[in-house]
């Protein structure tokens, strides 16, 4: 590991691989649109780590993180953890978008439009 490396640190490799191999249905659906730079020619990575956090999707050119939230994210403890996590990731210069899982299934066009609206370079 390089000194001061904060992305895709080696101690999270196995966890990232496990998450990539076990995507939630919402993550799998969104990934079909984002993979292979298919969405607006932006490269996205799935289950990408930044410091100790693994984010659902990350676009390096935009420093944009996309998180899909299921039921587990709607309890008080998890919401506090997510807020702390988002604060740190934002401090590192990233922008974070959060969508409920169901939005990917009922309003995918709206989700994609919101992602595009948050690109720094259009």
PDB file of N, CA and C in Angstrom:
ATOM      1  N   UNK A   1       0.844  -1.187   0.000  1.00  0.00           N
ATOM      2  CA  UNK A   1       0.000   0.000   0.000  1.00  0.00           C
ATOM      3  C   UNK A   1       0.883   1.242   0.000  1.00  0.00           C
ATOM      4  N   UNK A   2       0.530   2.188  -0.837  1.00  0.00           N
ATOM      5  CA  UNK A   2       1.279   3.443  -0.869  1.00  0.00           C
ATOM      6  C   UNK A   2       1.033   4.216   0.418  1.00  0.00           C
ATOM      7  N   UNK A   3       2.017   4.961   0.817  1.00  0.00           N
ATOM      8  CA  UNK A   3       1.850   5.824   1.986  1.00  0.00           C
ATOM      9  C   UNK A   3       0.757   6.841   1.683  1.00  0.00           C
ATOM     10  N   UNK A   4      -0.099   7.077   2.639  1.00  0.00           N
ATOM     11  CA  UNK A   4      -1.207   8.024   2.526  1.00  0.00           C
ATOM     12  C   UNK A   4      -2.279   7.595   1.534  1.00  0.00           C
ATOM     13  N   UNK A   5      -2.266   6.336   1.104  1.00  0.00           N
ATOM     14  CA  UNK A   5      -3.316   5.860   0.203  1.00  0.00           C
ATOM     15  C   UNK A   5      -4.636   5.837   0.959  1.00  0.00           C
ATOM     16  N   UNK A   6      -5.660   6.413   0.367  1.00  0.00           N
ATOM     17  CA  UNK A   6      -6.961   6.410   1.031  1.00  0.00           C
ATOM     18  C   UNK A   6      -8.018   5.677   0.217  1.00  0.00           C
ATOM     19  N   UNK A   7      -7.721   5.336  -1.039  1.00  0.00           N
ATOM     20  CA  UNK A   7      -8.711   4.657  -1.879  1.00  0.00           C
ATOM     21  C   UNK A   7      -8.307   3.215  -2.116  1.00  0.00           C
ATOM     22  N   UNK A   8      -9.308   2.340  -2.041  1.00  0.00           N
ATOM     23  CA  UNK A   8      -9.119   0.911  -2.264  1.00  0.00           C
ATOM     24  C   UNK A   8      -7.937   0.337  -1.491  1.00  0.00           C
ATOM     25  N   UNK A   9      -7.934   0.635  -0.211  1.00  0.00           N
ATOM     26  CA  UNK A   9      -6.889   0.118   0.657  1.00  0.00           C
ATOM     27  C   UNK A   9      -6.984  -1.402   0.729  1.00  0.00           C
ATOM     28  N   UNK A  10      -5.831  -2.034   0.847  1.00  0.00           N
ATOM     29  CA  UNK A  10      -5.758  -3.493   0.707  1.00  0.00           C
ATOM     30  C   UNK A  10      -6.546  -4.254   1.769  1.00  0.00           C
ATOM     31  N   UNK A  11      -6.632  -3.750   2.989  1.00  0.00           N
ATOM     32  CA  UNK A  11      -7.328  -4.500   4.030  1.00  0.00           C
ATOM     33  C   UNK A  11      -8.840  -4.591   3.795  1.00  0.00           C
ATOM     34  N   UNK A  12      -9.371  -3.822   2.851  1.00  0.00           N
ATOM     35  CA  UNK A  12     -10.792  -3.901   2.516  1.00  0.00           C
ATOM     36  C   UNK A  12     -11.061  -4.683   1.220  1.00  0.00           C
ATOM     37  N   UNK A  13     -10.016  -5.225   0.620  1.00  0.00           N
ATOM     38  CA  UNK A  13     -10.170  -5.916  -0.669  1.00  0.00           C
ATOM     39  C   UNK A  13     -11.195  -7.040  -0.607  1.00  0.00           C
ATOM     40  N   UNK A  14     -11.074  -7.920   0.363  1.00  0.00           N
ATOM     41  CA  UNK A  14     -12.009  -9.049   0.448  1.00  0.00           C
ATOM     42  C   UNK A  14     -13.444  -8.584   0.662  1.00  0.00           C
ATOM     43  N   UNK A  15     -13.623  -7.577   1.496  1.00  0.00           N
ATOM     44  CA  UNK A  15     -14.971  -7.061   1.759  1.00  0.00           C
ATOM     45  C   UNK A  15     -15.566  -6.440   0.489  1.00  0.00           C
ATOM     46  N   UNK A  16     -14.753  -5.672  -0.243  1.00  0.00           N
ATOM     47  CA  UNK A  16     -15.229  -5.062  -1.491  1.00  0.00           C
ATOM     48  C   UNK A  16     -15.640  -6.134  -2.495  1.00  0.00           C
ATOM     49  N   UNK A  17     -14.811  -7.176  -2.630  1.00  0.00           N
ATOM     50  CA  UNK A  17     -15.135  -8.273  -3.560  1.00  0.00           C
ATOM     51  C   UNK A  17     -16.428  -8.955  -3.162  1.00  0.00           C
ATOM     52  N   UNK A  18     -16.600  -9.183  -1.878  1.00  0.00           N
ATOM     53  CA  UNK A  18     -17.827  -9.820  -1.398  1.00  0.00           C
ATOM     54  C   UNK A  18     -19.051  -8.967  -1.731  1.00  0.00           C
ATOM     55  N   UNK A  19     -18.949  -7.676  -1.493  1.00  0.00           N
ATOM     56  CA  UNK A  19     -20.068  -6.778  -1.794  1.00  0.00           C
ATOM     57  C   UNK A  19     -20.352  -6.725  -3.298  1.00  0.00           C
ATOM     58  N   UNK A  20     -19.301  -6.717  -4.115  1.00  0.00           N
ATOM     59  CA  UNK A  20     -19.503  -6.705  -5.573  1.00  0.00           C
ATOM     60  C   UNK A  20     -20.177  -7.978  -6.057  1.00  0.00           C
ATOM     61  N   UNK A  21     -19.858  -9.084  -5.412  1.00  0.00           N
ATOM     62  CA  UNK A  21     -20.444 -10.367  -5.810  1.00  0.00           C
ATOM     63  C   UNK A  21     -21.840 -10.587  -5.243  1.00  0.00           C
ATOM     64  N   UNK A  22     -22.282  -9.713  -4.359  1.00  0.00           N
ATOM     65  CA  UNK A  22     -23.585  -9.851  -3.712  1.00  0.00           C
ATOM     66  C   UNK A  22     -24.339  -8.529  -3.711  1.00  0.00           C
ATOM     67  N   UNK A  23     -24.441  -7.914  -4.875  1.00  0.00           N
ATOM     68  CA  UNK A  23     -25.147  -6.638  -4.982  1.00  0.00           C
ATOM     69  C   UNK A  23     -26.612  -6.812  -4.595  1.00  0.00           C
ATOM     70  N   UNK A  24     -27.177  -5.760  -4.009  1.00  0.00           N
ATOM     71  CA  UNK A  24     -28.609  -5.765  -3.773  1.00  0.00           C
ATOM     72  C   UNK A  24     -29.302  -5.659  -5.133  1.00  0.00           C
ATOM     73  N   UNK A  25     -30.569  -6.015  -5.223  1.00  0.00           N
ATOM     74  CA  UNK A  25     -31.270  -5.867  -6.507  1.00  0.00           C
ATOM     75  C   UNK A  25     -31.215  -4.434  -7.049  1.00  0.00           C
ATOM     76  N   UNK A  26     -31.320  -3.451  -6.176  1.00  0.00           N
ATOM     77  CA  UNK A  26     -31.272  -2.052  -6.618  1.00  0.00           C
ATOM     78  C   UNK A  26     -29.877  -1.704  -7.150  1.00  0.00           C
ATOM     79  N   UNK A  27     -28.836  -2.145  -6.450  1.00  0.00           N
ATOM     80  CA  UNK A  27     -27.475  -1.885  -6.919  1.00  0.00           C
ATOM     81  C   UNK A  27     -27.233  -2.553  -8.272  1.00  0.00           C
ATOM     82  N   UNK A  28     -27.702  -3.792  -8.423  1.00  0.00           N
ATOM     83  CA  UNK A  28     -27.515  -4.512  -9.687  1.00  0.00           C
ATOM     84  C   UNK A  28     -28.207  -3.783 -10.833  1.00  0.00           C
ATOM     85  N   UNK A  29     -29.410  -3.281 -10.588  1.00  0.00           N
ATOM     86  CA  UNK A  29     -30.145  -2.565 -11.643  1.00  0.00           C
ATOM     87  C   UNK A  29     -29.430  -1.269 -12.024  1.00  0.00           C
ATOM     88  N   UNK A  30     -29.018  -0.482 -11.031  1.00  0.00           N
ATOM     89  CA  UNK A  30     -28.335   0.772 -11.342  1.00  0.00           C
ATOM     90  C   UNK A  30     -26.993   0.492 -12.027  1.00  0.00           C
ATOM     91  N   UNK A  31     -26.301  -0.555 -11.613  1.00  0.00           N
ATOM     92  CA  UNK A  31     -25.007  -0.889 -12.208  1.00  0.00           C
ATOM     93  C   UNK A  31     -25.145  -1.186 -13.700  1.00  0.00           C
ATOM     94  N   UNK A  32     -26.271  -1.754 -14.121  1.00  0.00           N
ATOM     95  CA  UNK A  32     -26.452  -2.043 -15.548  1.00  0.00           C
ATOM     96  C   UNK A  32     -26.414  -0.760 -16.375  1.00  0.00           C
ATOM     97  N   UNK A  33     -26.766   0.354 -15.767  1.00  0.00           N
ATOM     98  CA  UNK A  33     -26.750   1.643 -16.467  1.00  0.00           C
ATOM     99  C   UNK A  33     -25.388   2.327 -16.348  1.00  0.00           C
ATOM    100  N   UNK A  34     -24.726   2.170 -15.205  1.00  0.00           N
ATOM    101  CA  UNK A  34     -23.486   2.900 -14.942  1.00  0.00           C
ATOM    102  C   UNK A  34     -22.218   2.216 -15.458  1.00  0.00           C
ATOM    103  N   UNK A  35     -22.234   0.897 -15.597  1.00  0.00           N
ATOM    104  CA  UNK A  35     -20.990   0.172 -15.914  1.00  0.00           C
ATOM    105  C   UNK A  35     -20.482   0.491 -17.317  1.00  0.00           C
ATOM    106  N   UNK A  36     -19.189   0.258 -17.491  1.00  0.00           N
ATOM    107  CA  UNK A  36     -18.516   0.445 -18.789  1.00  0.00           C
ATOM    108  C   UNK A  36     -18.640   1.860 -19.336  1.00  0.00           C
ATOM    109  N   UNK A  37     -18.681   2.844 -18.469  1.00  0.00           N
ATOM    110  CA  UNK A  37     -18.785   4.260 -18.873  1.00  0.00           C
ATOM    111  C   UNK A  37     -19.989   4.512 -19.763  1.00  0.00           C
ATOM    112  N   UNK A  38     -21.038   3.718 -19.582  1.00  0.00           N
ATOM    113  CA  UNK A  38     -22.218   3.815 -20.444  1.00  0.00           C
ATOM    114  C   UNK A  38     -23.082   5.029 -20.135  1.00  0.00           C
ATOM    115  N   UNK A  39     -22.979   5.565 -18.925  1.00  0.00           N
ATOM    116  CA  UNK A  39     -23.811   6.710 -18.560  1.00  0.00           C
ATOM    117  C   UNK A  39     -23.011   7.997 -18.731  1.00  0.00           C
ATOM    118  N   UNK A  40     -23.330   8.726 -19.770  1.00  0.00           N
ATOM    119  CA  UNK A  40     -22.737  10.039 -20.049  1.00  0.00           C
ATOM    120  C   UNK A  40     -21.210   9.990 -20.106  1.00  0.00           C
ATOM    121  N   UNK A  41     -20.671   8.873 -20.554  1.00  0.00           N
ATOM    122  CA  UNK A  41     -19.217   8.690 -20.680  1.00  0.00           C
ATOM    123  C   UNK A  41     -18.457   8.899 -19.369  1.00  0.00           C
ATOM    124  N   UNK A  42     -19.116   8.641 -18.251  1.00  0.00           N
ATOM    125  CA  UNK A  42     -18.460   8.750 -16.951  1.00  0.00           C
ATOM    126  C   UNK A  42     -18.132   7.350 -16.438  1.00  0.00           C
ATOM    127  N   UNK A  43     -16.912   7.171 -15.968  1.00  0.00           N
ATOM    128  CA  UNK A  43     -16.510   5.893 -15.387  1.00  0.00           C
ATOM    129  C   UNK A  43     -16.985   5.846 -13.945  1.00  0.00           C
ATOM    130  N   UNK A  44     -17.724   4.802 -13.627  1.00  0.00           N
ATOM    131  CA  UNK A  44     -18.149   4.566 -12.254  1.00  0.00           C
ATOM    132  C   UNK A  44     -17.512   3.283 -11.762  1.00  0.00           C
ATOM    133  N   UNK A  45     -17.210   3.249 -10.495  1.00  0.00           N
ATOM    134  CA  UNK A  45     -16.719   2.047  -9.840  1.00  0.00           C
ATOM    135  C   UNK A  45     -17.764   1.624  -8.821  1.00  0.00           C
ATOM    136  N   UNK A  46     -17.906   0.337  -8.626  1.00  0.00           N
ATOM    137  CA  UNK A  46     -18.863  -0.135  -7.614  1.00  0.00           C
ATOM    138  C   UNK A  46     -18.101  -0.696  -6.437  1.00  0.00           C
ATOM    139  N   UNK A  47     -18.670  -0.505  -5.263  1.00  0.00           N
ATOM    140  CA  UNK A  47     -18.075  -0.980  -4.017  1.00  0.00           C
ATOM    141  C   UNK A  47     -16.621  -0.527  -3.926  1.00  0.00           C
ATOM    142  N   UNK A  48     -16.436   0.758  -4.004  1.00  0.00           N
ATOM    143  CA  UNK A  48     -15.132   1.418  -3.990  1.00  0.00           C
ATOM    144  C   UNK A  48     -14.865   1.925  -2.573  1.00  0.00           C
ATOM    145  N   UNK A  49     -13.647   1.728  -2.096  1.00  0.00           N
ATOM    146  CA  UNK A  49     -13.370   2.205  -0.735  1.00  0.00           C
ATOM    147  C   UNK A  49     -12.607   3.521  -0.753  1.00  0.00           C
ATOM    148  N   UNK A  50     -12.981   4.341   0.208  1.00  0.00           N
ATOM    149  CA  UNK A  50     -12.312   5.613   0.474  1.00  0.00           C
ATOM    150  C   UNK A  50     -12.104   5.646   1.975  1.00  0.00           C
ATOM    151  N   UNK A  51     -10.834   5.703   2.384  1.00  0.00           N
ATOM    152  CA  UNK A  51     -10.462   5.512   3.781  1.00  0.00           C
ATOM    153  C   UNK A  51     -11.089   4.202   4.266  1.00  0.00           C
ATOM    154  N   UNK A  52     -11.811   4.233   5.382  1.00  0.00           N
ATOM    155  CA  UNK A  52     -12.398   3.008   5.933  1.00  0.00           C
ATOM    156  C   UNK A  52     -13.805   2.729   5.423  1.00  0.00           C
ATOM    157  N   UNK A  53     -14.271   3.518   4.478  1.00  0.00           N
ATOM    158  CA  UNK A  53     -15.647   3.410   4.019  1.00  0.00           C
ATOM    159  C   UNK A  53     -15.722   2.780   2.627  1.00  0.00           C
ATOM    160  N   UNK A  54     -16.698   1.927   2.426  1.00  0.00           N
ATOM    161  CA  UNK A  54     -16.952   1.366   1.108  1.00  0.00           C
ATOM    162  C   UNK A  54     -18.244   1.990   0.601  1.00  0.00           C
ATOM    163  N   UNK A  55     -18.134   2.667  -0.533  1.00  0.00           N
ATOM    164  CA  UNK A  55     -19.295   3.348  -1.110  1.00  0.00           C
ATOM    165  C   UNK A  55     -19.887   2.479  -2.209  1.00  0.00           C
ATOM    166  N   UNK A  56     -21.179   2.620  -2.438  1.00  0.00           N
ATOM    167  CA  UNK A  56     -21.847   1.797  -3.445  1.00  0.00           C
ATOM    168  C   UNK A  56     -21.289   2.063  -4.842  1.00  0.00           C
ATOM    169  N   UNK A  57     -21.268   3.332  -5.243  1.00  0.00           N
ATOM    170  CA  UNK A  57     -20.762   3.704  -6.564  1.00  0.00           C
ATOM    171  C   UNK A  57     -19.944   4.985  -6.429  1.00  0.00           C
ATOM    172  N   UNK A  58     -18.873   5.070  -7.227  1.00  0.00           N
ATOM    173  CA  UNK A  58     -17.997   6.232  -7.181  1.00  0.00           C
ATOM    174  C   UNK A  58     -17.572   6.600  -8.603  1.00  0.00           C
ATOM    175  N   UNK A  59     -17.717   7.868  -8.936  1.00  0.00           N
ATOM    176  CA  UNK A  59     -17.257   8.393 -10.216  1.00  0.00           C
ATOM    177  C   UNK A  59     -16.043   9.282  -9.931  1.00  0.00           C
ATOM    178  N   UNK A  60     -14.829   8.796 -10.216  1.00  0.00           N
ATOM    179  CA  UNK A  60     -13.623   9.555  -9.871  1.00  0.00           C
ATOM    180  C   UNK A  60     -13.521  10.919 -10.557  1.00  0.00           C
ATOM    181  N   UNK A  61     -13.909  11.016 -11.822  1.00  0.00           N
ATOM    182  CA  UNK A  61     -13.767  12.291 -12.530  1.00  0.00           C
ATOM    183  C   UNK A  61     -14.659  13.368 -11.936  1.00  0.00           C
ATOM    184  N   UNK A  62     -15.770  12.960 -11.338  1.00  0.00           N
ATOM    185  CA  UNK A  62     -16.714  13.907 -10.754  1.00  0.00           C
ATOM    186  C   UNK A  62     -16.604  13.983  -9.230  1.00  0.00           C
ATOM    187  N   UNK A  63     -15.818  13.067  -8.643  1.00  0.00           N
ATOM    188  CA  UNK A  63     -15.745  12.939  -7.181  1.00  0.00           C
ATOM    189  C   UNK A  63     -17.165  12.809  -6.615  1.00  0.00           C
ATOM    190  N   UNK A  64     -17.938  11.964  -7.278  1.00  0.00           N
ATOM    191  CA  UNK A  64     -19.348  11.781  -6.952  1.00  0.00           C
ATOM    192  C   UNK A  64     -19.583  10.378  -6.416  1.00  0.00           C
ATOM    193  N   UNK A  65     -20.204  10.319  -5.249  1.00  0.00           N
ATOM    194  CA  UNK A  65     -20.549   9.061  -4.593  1.00  0.00           C
ATOM    195  C   UNK A  65     -22.065   8.891  -4.678  1.00  0.00           C
ATOM    196  N   UNK A  66     -22.489   7.691  -5.040  1.00  0.00           N
ATOM    197  CA  UNK A  66     -23.915   7.374  -5.061  1.00  0.00           C
ATOM    198  C   UNK A  66     -24.150   6.241  -4.079  1.00  0.00           C
ATOM    199  N   UNK A  67     -25.058   6.479  -3.152  1.00  0.00           N
ATOM    200  CA  UNK A  67     -25.424   5.481  -2.150  1.00  0.00           C
ATOM    201  C   UNK A  67     -26.887   5.107  -2.330  1.00  0.00           C
ATOM    202  N   UNK A  68     -27.158   3.819  -2.328  1.00  0.00           N
ATOM    203  CA  UNK A  68     -28.532   3.322  -2.369  1.00  0.00           C
ATOM    204  C   UNK A  68     -28.870   2.790  -0.982  1.00  0.00           C
ATOM    205  N   UNK A  69     -29.929   3.312  -0.418  1.00  0.00           N
ATOM    206  CA  UNK A  69     -30.276   2.997   0.964  1.00  0.00           C
ATOM    207  C   UNK A  69     -31.501   2.108   1.060  1.00  0.00           C
ATOM    208  N   UNK A  70     -31.334   0.984   1.734  1.00  0.00           N
ATOM    209  CA  UNK A  70     -32.444   0.090   2.039  1.00  0.00           C
ATOM    210  C   UNK A  70     -32.926   0.339   3.458  1.00  0.00           C
ATOM    211  N   UNK A  71     -33.779  -0.534   3.928  1.00  0.00           N
ATOM    212  CA  UNK A  71     -34.408  -0.379   5.250  1.00  0.00           C
ATOM    213  C   UNK A  71     -33.403  -0.194   6.380  1.00  0.00           C
ATOM    214  N   UNK A  72     -32.258  -0.849   6.309  1.00  0.00           N
ATOM    215  CA  UNK A  72     -31.277  -0.770   7.393  1.00  0.00           C
ATOM    216  C   UNK A  72     -30.829   0.670   7.653  1.00  0.00           C
ATOM    217  N   UNK A  73     -30.925   1.518   6.655  1.00  0.00           N
ATOM    218  CA  UNK A  73     -30.459   2.904   6.793  1.00  0.00           C
ATOM    219  C   UNK A  73     -31.472   3.822   7.471  1.00  0.00           C
ATOM    220  N   UNK A  74     -32.640   3.292   7.803  1.00  0.00           N
ATOM    221  CA  UNK A  74     -33.687   4.149   8.349  1.00  0.00           C
ATOM    222  C   UNK A  74     -33.887   4.004   9.845  1.00  0.00           C
ATOM    223  N   UNK A  75     -32.882   3.476  10.550  1.00  0.00           N
ATOM    224  CA  UNK A  75     -32.970   3.474  12.013  1.00  0.00           C
ATOM    225  C   UNK A  75     -32.009   4.530  12.553  1.00  0.00           C
ATOM    226  N   UNK A  76     -32.244   4.948  13.760  1.00  0.00           N
ATOM    227  CA  UNK A  76     -31.521   6.081  14.337  1.00  0.00           C
ATOM    228  C   UNK A  76     -30.017   5.867  14.369  1.00  0.00           C
ATOM    229  N   UNK A  77     -29.567   4.701  14.800  1.00  0.00           N
ATOM    230  CA  UNK A  77     -28.126   4.446  14.883  1.00  0.00           C
ATOM    231  C   UNK A  77     -27.468   4.493  13.508  1.00  0.00           C
ATOM    232  N   UNK A  78     -28.090   3.858  12.526  1.00  0.00           N
ATOM    233  CA  UNK A  78     -27.514   3.838  11.184  1.00  0.00           C
ATOM    234  C   UNK A  78     -27.529   5.227  10.573  1.00  0.00           C
ATOM    235  N   UNK A  79     -28.573   5.997  10.829  1.00  0.00           N
ATOM    236  CA  UNK A  79     -28.634   7.359  10.297  1.00  0.00           C
ATOM    237  C   UNK A  79     -27.501   8.215  10.870  1.00  0.00           C
ATOM    238  N   UNK A  80     -27.191   8.033  12.148  1.00  0.00           N
ATOM    239  CA  UNK A  80     -26.087   8.767  12.772  1.00  0.00           C
ATOM    240  C   UNK A  80     -24.754   8.341  12.152  1.00  0.00           C
ATOM    241  N   UNK A  81     -24.581   7.037  11.950  1.00  0.00           N
ATOM    242  CA  UNK A  81     -23.352   6.532  11.314  1.00  0.00           C
ATOM    243  C   UNK A  81     -23.230   7.087   9.894  1.00  0.00           C
ATOM    244  N   UNK A  82     -24.324   7.063   9.136  1.00  0.00           N
ATOM    245  CA  UNK A  82     -24.299   7.573   7.764  1.00  0.00           C
ATOM    246  C   UNK A  82     -23.950   9.063   7.736  1.00  0.00           C
ATOM    247  N   UNK A  83     -24.473   9.819   8.686  1.00  0.00           N
ATOM    248  CA  UNK A  83     -24.189  11.262   8.731  1.00  0.00           C
ATOM    249  C   UNK A  83     -22.700  11.510   9.005  1.00  0.00           C
ATOM    250  N   UNK A  84     -22.127  10.746   9.928  1.00  0.00           N
ATOM    251  CA  UNK A  84     -20.700  10.883  10.241  1.00  0.00           C
ATOM    252  C   UNK A  84     -19.851  10.494   9.021  1.00  0.00           C
ATOM    253  N   UNK A  85     -20.231   9.418   8.395  1.00  0.00           N
ATOM    254  CA  UNK A  85     -19.542   8.917   7.202  1.00  0.00           C
ATOM    255  C   UNK A  85     -19.625   9.945   6.072  1.00  0.00           C
ATOM    256  N   UNK A  86     -20.823  10.470   5.820  1.00  0.00           N
ATOM    257  CA  UNK A  86     -21.001  11.462   4.767  1.00  0.00           C
ATOM    258  C   UNK A  86     -20.186  12.721   5.041  1.00  0.00           C
ATOM    259  N   UNK A  87     -20.119  13.114   6.297  1.00  0.00           N
ATOM    260  CA  UNK A  87     -19.347  14.304   6.667  1.00  0.00           C
ATOM    261  C   UNK A  87     -17.881  14.111   6.293  1.00  0.00           C
ATOM    262  N   UNK A  88     -17.318  12.954   6.645  1.00  0.00           N
ATOM    263  CA  UNK A  88     -15.908  12.689   6.347  1.00  0.00           C
ATOM    264  C   UNK A  88     -15.671  12.607   4.834  1.00  0.00           C
ATOM    265  N   UNK A  89     -16.524  11.914   4.128  1.00  0.00           N
ATOM    266  CA  UNK A  89     -16.347  11.783   2.682  1.00  0.00           C
ATOM    267  C   UNK A  89     -16.483  13.127   1.978  1.00  0.00           C
ATOM    268  N   UNK A  90     -17.343  13.987   2.492  1.00  0.00           N
ATOM    269  CA  UNK A  90     -17.492  15.336   1.948  1.00  0.00           C
ATOM    270  C   UNK A  90     -16.243  16.168   2.237  1.00  0.00           C
ATOM    271  N   UNK A  91     -15.689  16.012   3.436  1.00  0.00           N
ATOM    272  CA  UNK A  91     -14.452  16.726   3.785  1.00  0.00           C
ATOM    273  C   UNK A  91     -13.321  16.383   2.818  1.00  0.00           C
ATOM    274  N   UNK A  92     -13.360  15.186   2.266  1.00  0.00           N
ATOM    275  CA  UNK A  92     -12.342  14.748   1.304  1.00  0.00           C
ATOM    276  C   UNK A  92     -12.622  15.252  -0.112  1.00  0.00           C
ATOM    277  N   UNK A  93     -13.664  16.073  -0.259  1.00  0.00           N
ATOM    278  CA  UNK A  93     -13.952  16.702  -1.543  1.00  0.00           C
ATOM    279  C   UNK A  93     -14.963  15.981  -2.409  1.00  0.00           C
ATOM    280  N   UNK A  94     -15.664  15.023  -1.831  1.00  0.00           N
ATOM    281  CA  UNK A  94     -16.655  14.267  -2.595  1.00  0.00           C
ATOM    282  C   UNK A  94     -18.047  14.847  -2.418  1.00  0.00           C
ATOM    283  N   UNK A  95     -18.881  14.619  -3.404  1.00  0.00           N
ATOM    284  CA  UNK A  95     -20.303  14.935  -3.309  1.00  0.00           C
ATOM    285  C   UNK A  95     -21.034  13.606  -3.176  1.00  0.00           C
ATOM    286  N   UNK A  96     -22.043  13.559  -2.319  1.00  0.00           N
ATOM    287  CA  UNK A  96     -22.754  12.315  -2.051  1.00  0.00           C
ATOM    288  C   UNK A  96     -24.218  12.470  -2.403  1.00  0.00           C
ATOM    289  N   UNK A  97     -24.718  11.531  -3.188  1.00  0.00           N
ATOM    290  CA  UNK A  97     -26.139  11.451  -3.493  1.00  0.00           C
ATOM    291  C   UNK A  97     -26.682  10.176  -2.875  1.00  0.00           C
ATOM    292  N   UNK A  98     -27.802  10.279  -2.178  1.00  0.00           N
ATOM    293  CA  UNK A  98     -28.444   9.105  -1.575  1.00  0.00           C
ATOM    294  C   UNK A  98     -29.829   8.935  -2.174  1.00  0.00           C
ATOM    295  N   UNK A  99     -30.131   7.691  -2.524  1.00  0.00           N
ATOM    296  CA  UNK A  99     -31.440   7.348  -3.053  1.00  0.00           C
ATOM    297  C   UNK A  99     -31.949   6.119  -2.311  1.00  0.00           C
ATOM    298  N   UNK A 100     -33.238   6.090  -2.042  1.00  0.00           N
ATOM    299  CA  UNK A 100     -33.834   4.878  -1.507  1.00  0.00           C
ATOM    300  C   UNK A 100     -33.801   3.821  -2.596  1.00  0.00           C
ATOM    301  N   UNK A 101     -33.575   2.581  -2.207  1.00  0.00           N
ATOM    302  CA  UNK A 101     -33.531   1.482  -3.176  1.00  0.00           C
ATOM    303  C   UNK A 101     -34.732   1.501  -4.117  1.00  0.00           C
ATOM    304  N   UNK A 102     -35.913   1.718  -3.567  1.00  0.00           N
ATOM    305  CA  UNK A 102     -37.129   1.633  -4.371  1.00  0.00           C
ATOM    306  C   UNK A 102     -37.138   2.642  -5.517  1.00  0.00           C
ATOM    307  N   UNK A 103     -36.439   3.765  -5.344  1.00  0.00           N
ATOM    308  CA  UNK A 103     -36.406   4.783  -6.398  1.00  0.00           C
ATOM    309  C   UNK A 103     -35.777   4.242  -7.690  1.00  0.00           C
ATOM    310  N   UNK A 104     -34.832   3.336  -7.555  1.00  0.00           N
ATOM    311  CA  UNK A 104     -34.196   2.746  -8.738  1.00  0.00           C
ATOM    312  C   UNK A 104     -35.220   1.967  -9.559  1.00  0.00           C
ATOM    313  N   UNK A 105     -36.212   1.390  -8.881  1.00  0.00           N
ATOM    314  CA  UNK A 105     -37.220   0.581  -9.566  1.00  0.00           C
ATOM    315  C   UNK A 105     -38.428   1.389 -10.044  1.00  0.00           C
ATOM    316  N   UNK A 106     -38.785   2.425  -9.294  1.00  0.00           N
ATOM    317  CA  UNK A 106     -40.003   3.159  -9.654  1.00  0.00           C
ATOM    318  C   UNK A 106     -39.734   4.468 -10.390  1.00  0.00           C
ATOM    319  N   UNK A 107     -38.494   4.968 -10.318  1.00  0.00           N
ATOM    320  CA  UNK A 107     -38.205   6.260 -10.950  1.00  0.00           C
ATOM    321  C   UNK A 107     -36.749   6.333 -11.403  1.00  0.00           C
ATOM    322  N   UNK A 108     -36.295   5.329 -12.128  1.00  0.00           N
ATOM    323  CA  UNK A 108     -34.894   5.279 -12.561  1.00  0.00           C
ATOM    324  C   UNK A 108     -34.513   6.512 -13.378  1.00  0.00           C
ATOM    325  N   UNK A 109     -35.391   6.980 -14.248  1.00  0.00           N
ATOM    326  CA  UNK A 109     -35.075   8.170 -15.049  1.00  0.00           C
ATOM    327  C   UNK A 109     -34.812   9.381 -14.166  1.00  0.00           C
ATOM    328  N   UNK A 110     -35.580   9.522 -13.087  1.00  0.00           N
ATOM    329  CA  UNK A 110     -35.368  10.631 -12.151  1.00  0.00           C
ATOM    330  C   UNK A 110     -34.042  10.482 -11.415  1.00  0.00           C
ATOM    331  N   UNK A 111     -33.708   9.275 -11.022  1.00  0.00           N
ATOM    332  CA  UNK A 111     -32.427   9.011 -10.351  1.00  0.00           C
ATOM    333  C   UNK A 111     -31.280   9.403 -11.281  1.00  0.00           C
ATOM    334  N   UNK A 112     -31.348   8.962 -12.523  1.00  0.00           N
ATOM    335  CA  UNK A 112     -30.286   9.267 -13.486  1.00  0.00           C
ATOM    336  C   UNK A 112     -30.204  10.759 -13.774  1.00  0.00           C
ATOM    337  N   UNK A 113     -31.343  11.420 -13.859  1.00  0.00           N
ATOM    338  CA  UNK A 113     -31.345  12.872 -14.087  1.00  0.00           C
ATOM    339  C   UNK A 113     -30.684  13.600 -12.923  1.00  0.00           C
ATOM    340  N   UNK A 114     -30.956  13.144 -11.709  1.00  0.00           N
ATOM    341  CA  UNK A 114     -30.333  13.769 -10.531  1.00  0.00           C
ATOM    342  C   UNK A 114     -28.829  13.527 -10.518  1.00  0.00           C
ATOM    343  N   UNK A 115     -28.412  12.352 -10.891  1.00  0.00           N
ATOM    344  CA  UNK A 115     -26.973  12.070 -10.975  1.00  0.00           C
ATOM    345  C   UNK A 115     -26.335  13.016 -11.982  1.00  0.00           C
ATOM    346  N   UNK A 116     -26.935  13.135 -13.163  1.00  0.00           N
ATOM    347  CA  UNK A 116     -26.368  14.005 -14.190  1.00  0.00           C
ATOM    348  C   UNK A 116     -26.346  15.463 -13.736  1.00  0.00           C
ATOM    349  N   UNK A 117     -27.371  15.913 -13.045  1.00  0.00           N
ATOM    350  CA  UNK A 117     -27.407  17.299 -12.544  1.00  0.00           C
ATOM    351  C   UNK A 117     -26.248  17.589 -11.602  1.00  0.00           C
ATOM    352  N   UNK A 118     -25.698  16.557 -10.999  1.00  0.00           N
ATOM    353  CA  UNK A 118     -24.623  16.748 -10.040  1.00  0.00           C
ATOM    354  C   UNK A 118     -23.239  16.551 -10.625  1.00  0.00           C
ATOM    355  N   UNK A 119     -23.156  16.377 -11.926  1.00  0.00           N
ATOM    356  CA  UNK A 119     -21.844  16.368 -12.570  1.00  0.00           C
ATOM    357  C   UNK A 119     -21.290  17.770 -12.557  1.00  0.00           C
ATOM    358  N   UNK A 120     -20.024  17.891 -12.237  1.00  0.00           N
ATOM    359  CA  UNK A 120     -19.385  19.208 -12.223  1.00  0.00           C
ATOM    360  C   UNK A 120     -19.153  19.706 -13.647  1.00  0.00           C
ATOM    361  N   UNK A 121     -18.850  18.777 -14.547  1.00  0.00           N
ATOM    362  CA  UNK A 121     -18.563  19.127 -15.939  1.00  0.00           C
ATOM    363  C   UNK A 121     -19.636  18.491 -16.801  1.00  0.00           C
ATOM    364  N   UNK A 122     -20.491  19.291 -17.370  1.00  0.00           N
ATOM    365  CA  UNK A 122     -21.564  18.740 -18.212  1.00  0.00           C
ATOM    366  C   UNK A 122     -21.176  18.822 -19.662  1.00  0.00           C
TER     367      UNK A 122
END
